[in-house]
Protein backbone atom coordinates (compact mmCIF):
# COMPACT_ATOMS: atom_id res chain seq x y z
CA MET A 1 -7.51 12.20 -1.25
CA GLU A 2 -4.35 10.90 0.68
CA LEU A 3 -3.95 6.98 1.12
CA ASP A 4 -3.94 7.85 4.83
CA ASP A 5 -8.11 8.45 4.25
CA VAL A 6 -8.28 5.09 2.93
CA VAL A 7 -5.85 2.96 4.55
CA PRO A 8 -4.19 4.80 7.65
CA ARG A 9 -2.42 1.94 9.23
CA PRO A 10 -1.49 -0.53 6.60
CA ASP A 11 -0.01 -4.11 7.69
CA HIS A 12 2.16 -4.10 3.98
CA VAL A 13 3.28 -1.03 2.04
CA THR A 14 4.92 -0.92 -1.47
CA ARG A 15 6.23 2.11 -3.06
CA GLN A 16 8.04 2.81 -6.48
CA VAL A 17 9.05 6.27 -7.48
CA ARG A 18 10.62 7.07 -11.00
CA TRP A 19 11.41 10.45 -12.35
CA ILE A 20 10.19 11.52 -16.16
CA ALA A 21 12.11 13.79 -18.19
CA ALA A 22 8.12 14.98 -18.91
CA GLU A 23 5.18 17.71 -17.80
CA PRO A 24 2.81 16.51 -15.39
CA ALA A 25 0.15 16.57 -18.16
CA ALA A 26 2.28 14.24 -20.48
CA VAL A 27 2.97 11.70 -17.96
CA TRP A 28 -0.88 11.93 -16.91
CA ASP A 29 -1.65 10.66 -20.55
CA ALA A 30 1.23 8.22 -20.86
CA LEU A 31 0.17 6.37 -17.39
CA HIS A 32 -3.71 6.19 -18.79
CA GLY A 33 -2.66 5.31 -22.32
CA VAL A 34 -0.53 2.24 -20.81
CA ARG A 35 -2.31 -0.91 -22.13
CA PHE A 36 -1.86 -4.72 -21.02
CA SER A 37 -0.42 -5.55 -24.31
CA GLY A 38 2.65 -2.99 -23.86
CA LEU A 39 3.68 -4.74 -20.31
CA PRO A 40 4.55 -8.52 -21.06
CA LEU A 41 5.74 -9.12 -18.00
CA THR A 42 2.86 -7.83 -16.28
CA LEU A 43 0.35 -9.96 -18.60
CA ALA A 44 2.08 -12.94 -18.58
CA LEU A 45 2.24 -12.66 -14.38
CA SER A 46 -1.24 -11.78 -14.62
CA ALA A 47 -2.46 -14.81 -16.91
CA ALA A 48 -0.68 -17.21 -14.26
CA ARG A 49 -2.28 -15.64 -11.32
CA PHE A 50 -6.26 -15.51 -12.99
CA LEU A 51 -5.68 -19.05 -14.62
CA PRO A 52 -7.69 -20.68 -11.44
CA VAL A 53 -10.39 -17.85 -12.24
CA ALA A 54 -10.69 -18.47 -15.80
CA LEU A 55 -10.90 -22.08 -15.07
CA SER A 56 -13.68 -21.68 -12.82
CA GLY A 57 -15.72 -19.77 -15.78
CA ARG A 58 -15.33 -16.54 -13.52
CA GLY A 59 -13.51 -13.36 -14.49
CA LEU A 60 -13.52 -14.50 -18.49
CA GLY A 61 -12.17 -11.25 -20.47
CA GLN A 62 -10.54 -9.90 -17.21
CA LEU A 63 -7.43 -9.90 -19.30
CA ARG A 64 -8.03 -8.58 -22.60
CA ASP A 65 -6.12 -5.46 -24.01
CA ARG A 66 -7.27 -2.58 -22.11
CA PRO A 67 -5.64 0.36 -19.83
CA PHE A 68 -4.05 -0.87 -17.10
CA LEU A 69 -5.58 1.48 -14.79
CA GLU A 70 -8.97 -0.08 -16.22
CA ALA A 71 -7.77 -3.52 -15.39
CA LEU A 72 -7.08 -2.90 -11.57
CA PRO A 73 -8.91 -5.03 -9.09
CA VAL A 74 -10.34 -2.19 -6.99
CA PRO A 75 -12.03 0.57 -8.06
CA LEU A 76 -11.19 3.95 -8.43
CA LEU A 77 -11.99 6.49 -5.43
CA GLU A 78 -10.70 9.68 -7.01
CA ALA A 79 -8.97 11.41 -9.53
CA ARG A 80 -7.11 14.93 -9.82
CA PRO A 81 -5.98 15.30 -13.23
CA PRO A 82 -3.24 15.70 -13.53
CA SER A 83 -1.85 14.95 -10.06
CA SER A 84 -2.94 11.76 -8.27
CA VAL A 85 -5.51 8.71 -9.05
CA VAL A 86 -6.44 6.72 -6.17
CA PHE A 87 -7.85 3.35 -6.15
CA GLY A 88 -9.28 1.24 -2.92
CA GLY A 89 -11.30 -1.84 -2.17
CA LEU A 90 -11.85 -4.94 -0.48
CA LEU A 91 -10.23 -8.46 -1.87
CA GLN A 92 -9.34 -11.63 -1.04
CA PRO A 93 -6.28 -12.37 -3.03
CA TRP A 94 -5.36 -15.37 -1.52
CA ARG A 95 -8.13 -17.42 -2.46
CA LEU A 96 -7.39 -19.05 -5.93
CA THR A 97 -10.58 -18.08 -7.50
CA GLY A 98 -10.41 -14.47 -5.94
CA GLY A 99 -12.86 -14.71 -3.11
CA GLY A 100 -16.21 -13.57 -2.58
CA PRO A 101 -17.97 -10.57 -4.58
CA ALA A 102 -16.74 -7.57 -2.41
CA PRO A 103 -18.82 -4.49 -1.68
CA GLU A 104 -18.14 -1.49 -3.63
CA LEU A 105 -17.04 1.08 -0.88
CA ASP A 106 -16.31 4.77 -0.84
CA ALA A 107 -12.96 5.95 0.92
CA ALA A 108 -14.56 6.51 4.11
CA THR A 109 -16.63 3.48 4.45
CA LEU A 110 -13.46 1.59 3.22
CA ARG A 111 -11.47 2.86 5.88
CA ASP A 112 -13.84 2.18 8.79
CA TRP A 113 -14.92 -1.69 7.04
CA ASP A 114 -13.82 -4.19 9.50
CA GLY A 115 -15.94 -7.39 8.50
CA PRO A 116 -13.90 -10.31 9.03
CA GLY A 117 -12.22 -12.23 6.08
CA TRP A 118 -10.64 -9.18 3.64
CA VAL A 119 -8.05 -6.85 3.36
CA LYS A 120 -8.64 -3.60 2.64
CA VAL A 121 -6.17 -2.25 -0.63
CA ALA A 122 -5.31 1.03 -1.65
CA MET A 123 -3.26 2.21 -4.50
CA ASP A 124 -2.52 5.84 -5.77
CA PHE A 125 -0.23 7.22 -8.69
CA ARG A 126 0.99 10.47 -7.95
CA LEU A 127 2.87 13.13 -10.15
CA THR A 128 4.88 15.86 -8.68
CA PRO A 129 6.61 18.31 -10.91
CA ALA A 130 10.17 17.96 -9.84
CA ARG A 131 13.71 19.15 -11.51
CA GLY A 132 12.01 20.19 -14.70
CA GLY A 133 10.22 16.93 -15.03
CA THR A 134 7.72 14.74 -13.05
CA GLU A 135 7.99 12.05 -10.09
CA LEU A 136 5.83 9.48 -10.83
CA SER A 137 5.16 7.64 -7.33
CA SER A 138 2.82 4.89 -6.94
CA GLU A 139 1.98 3.22 -3.46
CA THR A 140 -0.16 0.25 -2.55
CA ARG A 141 -1.60 -0.14 0.95
CA VAL A 142 -3.00 -3.64 2.74
CA ARG A 143 -4.65 -3.98 5.98
CA ALA A 144 -6.41 -7.41 6.77
CA THR A 145 -9.82 -6.76 8.68
CA ASP A 146 -9.00 -10.14 10.92
CA ASP A 147 -6.24 -12.23 12.34
CA ALA A 148 -7.10 -14.70 9.90
CA SER A 149 -6.90 -12.56 6.76
CA ARG A 150 -3.68 -11.08 8.05
CA ALA A 151 -1.96 -14.52 8.23
CA ALA A 152 -3.29 -15.99 4.61
CA PHE A 153 -2.89 -12.31 3.17
CA ALA A 154 0.92 -12.63 4.52
CA ARG A 155 1.19 -16.19 3.22
CA TYR A 156 0.22 -15.01 -0.48
CA TRP A 157 2.10 -12.06 -0.13
CA ARG A 158 5.18 -14.19 0.54
CA VAL A 159 4.85 -15.76 -2.94
CA ILE A 160 3.81 -12.68 -4.92
CA ARG A 161 5.57 -9.78 -3.40
CA HIS A 162 8.34 -9.66 -5.86
CA GLY A 163 6.28 -10.10 -9.05
CA SER A 164 4.06 -7.28 -7.83
CA THR A 165 6.84 -5.11 -7.39
CA ALA A 166 8.15 -5.68 -10.72
CA VAL A 167 4.66 -5.47 -12.26
CA ARG A 168 4.78 -2.04 -10.85
CA TRP A 169 8.61 -1.04 -12.40
CA GLU A 170 7.37 -2.63 -15.77
CA LEU A 171 4.38 0.26 -15.98
CA LEU A 172 6.75 3.11 -14.59
CA THR A 173 9.11 1.94 -17.70
CA ALA A 174 6.36 2.14 -19.59
CA VAL A 175 5.15 5.38 -18.97
CA GLU A 176 8.05 6.95 -18.80
CA LEU A 177 8.51 5.53 -22.82
CA ARG A 178 5.13 6.55 -23.67
CA ALA A 179 5.77 10.40 -22.27
CA THR A 180 9.35 10.74 -23.34
CA ALA A 181 8.67 9.54 -27.07
């Protein structure tokens, strides 16, 4: 599954790539083994982001120490060990308490979803053999379902964009350290 199968015309895209001196299987295991406790910046930023959710009584336990990939805000759509994993879903991240409950959708339904008030989010991690190691890339795509959501997400994104990028780089670094240890 490609991200074009889920969010073909994104409003926002971020992409990070890191070459790791390890075989794809080792990088795959490392990616799935990274825990929140091994990502101090991610833990701090996530705690700050989810404080309003926790104070509202919702989302308690969301930040307990667990594998990073199990804590993503959108569900797993497909995993192809050891080459790719794709996540996708609907979010309202600009709402302080996380917004309403999103319907769980498969990739095709998510691609075609046009209900107002949401952003469609797709994220992948790709592992490609390269130069005697593995190129680990991560891409995130976001597309709003209407103009009001597009404007709300753009305001939110201006505030959190750099933190989101820092989280991804911290994750890729942690994967590299685990895979090459």
